[in-house]
Structures are given as C-alpha cells and as structure tokens.
Amino acid sequence: MDDRPTAADLLETASRLLGDKRLEDLPDDRRYDALMIANARAIAGRMAQLDSAEVEKERDRLAVLMDVGGELESLKRELIKKIRSGAYDPASRQYAELWEWLYAVTLRRLGESNPRALPRR
C-alpha cells in the first residue's frame, strides 16, 4: 500500500505554494512572518525525511559510548548527568568518542535546519 502523499510531500507542496511570487504580494509587515513559516516548513520537511536508521545509529553509538542500553532520549538525559559529573572531561578515555558522537549529531541536525551551512566534503 502506497501512503502518498507523505508528510514530507505535503510540507514541500505547502512551501512551494508559499513561494517567492506569493511573498511579493504580501505587505511588508507580513512578509517576514511568511518567510519564517516557509523556513519552518522546510525544516519540518527535512526532519520528516530523516531516515529512522540514522536515529538508530545515533542511539546505538551513544549506547556503546555510555555502555548502557535504552531509548535515545533517556540516554541523552543520562549523558547530561555524566558530563556534569565530569565523566567525559578531556582527561577521560572516552572524551574523543563523545566529541565524535556530538560532532556527528551536530552535522545531522545542521543538515535538517540549515543544510547550506554544512561543511563541504
């Protein structure tokens, strides 16, 4: 069964319909709001396309780093506690692993919110 249109498809259509031509027709005091809405829709569309495998990979890497299991959100809460306690300070053996994980997560999120700001590879 083909579940079309997807949420990403609908968001893309809405963003396209709120394109530059429509923005030109808006009064100046409403144009900024419309641009913010279009940007939010674009971000939501990229988030909707996020492959669940990427989220699982993020969770798996964090679980290995912390040597515990669990859901991603609970792992993140535990990570915060461990960082605050000094468990991942620069002198720790896991500091570099944590840095790599945080960098990968940052790149993924940047790809959702502002893909043009991603470093060139």
C-alpha atoms as a PDB file:
ATOM      1  CA  MET A   1       0.000   0.000   0.000  1.00  0.00           C
ATOM      2  CA  ASP A   2       1.413   3.368  -1.030  1.00  0.00           C
ATOM      3  CA  ASP A   3       0.775   6.021   1.617  1.00  0.00           C
ATOM      4  CA  ARG A   4       1.085   9.081  -0.558  1.00  0.00           C
ATOM      5  CA  PRO A   5       1.370  11.924  -0.050  1.00  0.00           C
ATOM      6  CA  THR A   6       3.750  11.676   2.879  1.00  0.00           C
ATOM      7  CA  ALA A   7       4.155  14.380   5.491  1.00  0.00           C
ATOM      8  CA  ALA A   8       7.337  15.480   3.719  1.00  0.00           C
ATOM      9  CA  ASP A   9       5.447  15.697   0.403  1.00  0.00           C
ATOM     10  CA  LEU A  10       2.740  17.856   1.962  1.00  0.00           C
ATOM     11  CA  LEU A  11       5.260  20.167   3.581  1.00  0.00           C
ATOM     12  CA  GLU A  12       7.148  20.527   0.311  1.00  0.00           C
ATOM     13  CA  THR A  13       3.936  21.386  -1.535  1.00  0.00           C
ATOM     14  CA  ALA A  14       2.995  23.966   1.092  1.00  0.00           C
ATOM     15  CA  SER A  15       6.444  25.559   0.888  1.00  0.00           C
ATOM     16  CA  ARG A  16       6.328  25.645  -2.904  1.00  0.00           C
ATOM     17  CA  LEU A  17       2.880  27.271  -2.862  1.00  0.00           C
ATOM     18  CA  LEU A  18       4.190  29.886  -0.473  1.00  0.00           C
ATOM     19  CA  GLY A  19       6.932  30.663  -2.952  1.00  0.00           C
ATOM     20  CA  ASP A  20       8.591  33.931  -3.843  1.00  0.00           C
ATOM     21  CA  LYS A  21       5.744  35.131  -6.067  1.00  0.00           C
ATOM     22  CA  ARG A  22       3.256  34.886  -3.211  1.00  0.00           C
ATOM     23  CA  LEU A  23       5.687  36.593  -0.842  1.00  0.00           C
ATOM     24  CA  GLU A  24       5.987  39.561  -3.179  1.00  0.00           C
ATOM     25  CA  ASP A  25       2.229  40.056  -2.924  1.00  0.00           C
ATOM     26  CA  LEU A  26       2.289  40.312   0.865  1.00  0.00           C
ATOM     27  CA  PRO A  27       2.530  43.622   2.682  1.00  0.00           C
ATOM     28  CA  ASP A  28       5.970  44.279   4.143  1.00  0.00           C
ATOM     29  CA  ASP A  29       4.772  43.748   7.713  1.00  0.00           C
ATOM     30  CA  ARG A  30       3.554  40.201   6.847  1.00  0.00           C
ATOM     31  CA  ARG A  31       6.420  39.111   4.588  1.00  0.00           C
ATOM     32  CA  TYR A  32       8.790  38.292   7.465  1.00  0.00           C
ATOM     33  CA  ASP A  33       6.163  36.063   9.111  1.00  0.00           C
ATOM     34  CA  ALA A  34       5.608  34.250   5.825  1.00  0.00           C
ATOM     35  CA  LEU A  35       9.359  33.711   5.388  1.00  0.00           C
ATOM     36  CA  MET A  36       9.579  32.270   8.898  1.00  0.00           C
ATOM     37  CA  ILE A  37       6.675  29.919   8.157  1.00  0.00           C
ATOM     38  CA  ALA A  38       8.270  28.800   4.895  1.00  0.00           C
ATOM     39  CA  ASN A  39      11.570  28.148   6.690  1.00  0.00           C
ATOM     40  CA  ALA A  40       9.833  26.180   9.460  1.00  0.00           C
ATOM     41  CA  ARG A  41       8.051  24.075   6.851  1.00  0.00           C
ATOM     42  CA  ALA A  42      11.318  23.373   5.074  1.00  0.00           C
ATOM     43  CA  ILE A  43      12.976  22.264   8.315  1.00  0.00           C
ATOM     44  CA  ALA A  44       9.998  20.080   9.221  1.00  0.00           C
ATOM     45  CA  GLY A  45      10.149  18.520   5.766  1.00  0.00           C
ATOM     46  CA  ARG A  46      13.817  17.617   6.175  1.00  0.00           C
ATOM     47  CA  MET A  47      13.112  16.234   9.631  1.00  0.00           C
ATOM     48  CA  ALA A  48      10.257  14.139   8.240  1.00  0.00           C
ATOM     49  CA  GLN A  49      12.627  12.647   5.667  1.00  0.00           C
ATOM     50  CA  LEU A  50      15.162  11.713   8.319  1.00  0.00           C
ATOM     51  CA  ASP A  51      15.891   8.063   7.931  1.00  0.00           C
ATOM     52  CA  SER A  52      14.977   6.138  11.083  1.00  0.00           C
ATOM     53  CA  ALA A  53      18.197   4.194  10.552  1.00  0.00           C
ATOM     54  CA  GLU A  54      20.118   7.421  11.241  1.00  0.00           C
ATOM     55  CA  VAL A  55      18.326   7.872  14.554  1.00  0.00           C
ATOM     56  CA  GLU A  56      19.019   4.242  15.461  1.00  0.00           C
ATOM     57  CA  LYS A  57      22.676   4.698  14.548  1.00  0.00           C
ATOM     58  CA  GLU A  58      22.839   7.770  16.790  1.00  0.00           C
ATOM     59  CA  ARG A  59      21.254   5.802  19.649  1.00  0.00           C
ATOM     60  CA  ASP A  60      23.491   2.781  19.127  1.00  0.00           C
ATOM     61  CA  ARG A  61      26.673   4.870  19.121  1.00  0.00           C
ATOM     62  CA  LEU A  62      25.588   6.619  22.314  1.00  0.00           C
ATOM     63  CA  ALA A  63      24.684   3.316  23.987  1.00  0.00           C
ATOM     64  CA  VAL A  64      28.143   1.940  23.183  1.00  0.00           C
ATOM     65  CA  LEU A  65      29.820   5.122  24.387  1.00  0.00           C
ATOM     66  CA  MET A  66      27.944   5.017  27.680  1.00  0.00           C
ATOM     67  CA  ASP A  67      27.982   1.215  27.962  1.00  0.00           C
ATOM     68  CA  VAL A  68      24.242   1.117  28.723  1.00  0.00           C
ATOM     69  CA  GLY A  69      21.069   0.445  26.760  1.00  0.00           C
ATOM     70  CA  GLY A  70      17.842   2.363  26.476  1.00  0.00           C
ATOM     71  CA  GLU A  71      15.900   4.772  24.339  1.00  0.00           C
ATOM     72  CA  LEU A  72      17.693   7.735  22.799  1.00  0.00           C
ATOM     73  CA  GLU A  73      16.036  10.384  24.976  1.00  0.00           C
ATOM     74  CA  SER A  74      16.802   8.553  28.225  1.00  0.00           C
ATOM     75  CA  LEU A  75      20.380   8.004  27.059  1.00  0.00           C
ATOM     76  CA  LYS A  76      20.719  11.724  26.383  1.00  0.00           C
ATOM     77  CA  ARG A  77      19.440  12.581  29.869  1.00  0.00           C
ATOM     78  CA  GLU A  78      21.939  10.150  31.385  1.00  0.00           C
ATOM     79  CA  LEU A  79      24.706  11.618  29.218  1.00  0.00           C
ATOM     80  CA  ILE A  80      23.960  15.088  30.565  1.00  0.00           C
ATOM     81  CA  LYS A  81      24.309  13.794  34.130  1.00  0.00           C
ATOM     82  CA  LYS A  82      27.606  12.097  33.301  1.00  0.00           C
ATOM     83  CA  ILE A  83      29.011  15.180  31.570  1.00  0.00           C
ATOM     84  CA  ARG A  84      28.085  17.319  34.584  1.00  0.00           C
ATOM     85  CA  SER A  85      29.767  14.825  36.907  1.00  0.00           C
ATOM     86  CA  GLY A  86      32.999  15.052  34.896  1.00  0.00           C
ATOM     87  CA  ALA A  87      32.875  11.533  33.454  1.00  0.00           C
ATOM     88  CA  TYR A  88      33.769  12.836  29.975  1.00  0.00           C
ATOM     89  CA  ASP A  89      36.263  15.558  30.839  1.00  0.00           C
ATOM     90  CA  PRO A  90      39.204  15.946  28.412  1.00  0.00           C
ATOM     91  CA  ALA A  91      41.400  13.690  30.540  1.00  0.00           C
ATOM     92  CA  SER A  92      38.917  10.795  30.305  1.00  0.00           C
ATOM     93  CA  ARG A  93      39.485   7.933  27.889  1.00  0.00           C
ATOM     94  CA  GLN A  94      36.034   8.484  26.358  1.00  0.00           C
ATOM     95  CA  TYR A  95      36.419  12.195  25.661  1.00  0.00           C
ATOM     96  CA  ALA A  96      37.337  11.712  21.973  1.00  0.00           C
ATOM     97  CA  GLU A  97      34.459   9.269  21.430  1.00  0.00           C
ATOM     98  CA  LEU A  98      31.995  11.700  22.973  1.00  0.00           C
ATOM     99  CA  TRP A  99      33.349  14.511  20.808  1.00  0.00           C
ATOM    100  CA  GLU A 100      32.934  12.392  17.652  1.00  0.00           C
ATOM    101  CA  TRP A 101      29.367  11.479  18.620  1.00  0.00           C
ATOM    102  CA  LEU A 102      28.459  15.107  19.350  1.00  0.00           C
ATOM    103  CA  TYR A 103      30.019  16.217  16.054  1.00  0.00           C
ATOM    104  CA  ALA A 104      28.016  13.619  14.083  1.00  0.00           C
ATOM    105  CA  VAL A 105      24.780  14.640  15.823  1.00  0.00           C
ATOM    106  CA  THR A 106      25.525  18.307  15.166  1.00  0.00           C
ATOM    107  CA  LEU A 107      26.097  17.662  11.460  1.00  0.00           C
ATOM    108  CA  ARG A 108      22.819  15.708  11.216  1.00  0.00           C
ATOM    109  CA  ARG A 109      20.878  18.467  12.919  1.00  0.00           C
ATOM    110  CA  LEU A 110      22.564  21.141  10.843  1.00  0.00           C
ATOM    111  CA  GLY A 111      21.520  19.186   7.764  1.00  0.00           C
ATOM    112  CA  GLU A 112      17.924  19.491   8.953  1.00  0.00           C
ATOM    113  CA  SER A 113      17.934  23.135   9.961  1.00  0.00           C
ATOM    114  CA  ASN A 114      20.436  24.742   7.585  1.00  0.00           C
ATOM    115  CA  PRO A 115      21.949  22.341   5.045  1.00  0.00           C
ATOM    116  CA  ARG A 116      23.814  25.116   3.235  1.00  0.00           C
ATOM    117  CA  ALA A 117      25.938  25.629   6.353  1.00  0.00           C
ATOM    118  CA  LEU A 118      27.262  22.056   6.287  1.00  0.00           C
ATOM    119  CA  PRO A 119      30.994  21.764   5.699  1.00  0.00           C
ATOM    120  CA  ARG A 120      31.901  20.681   2.182  1.00  0.00           C
ATOM    121  CA  ARG A 121      33.094  17.115   1.918  1.00  0.00           C
END
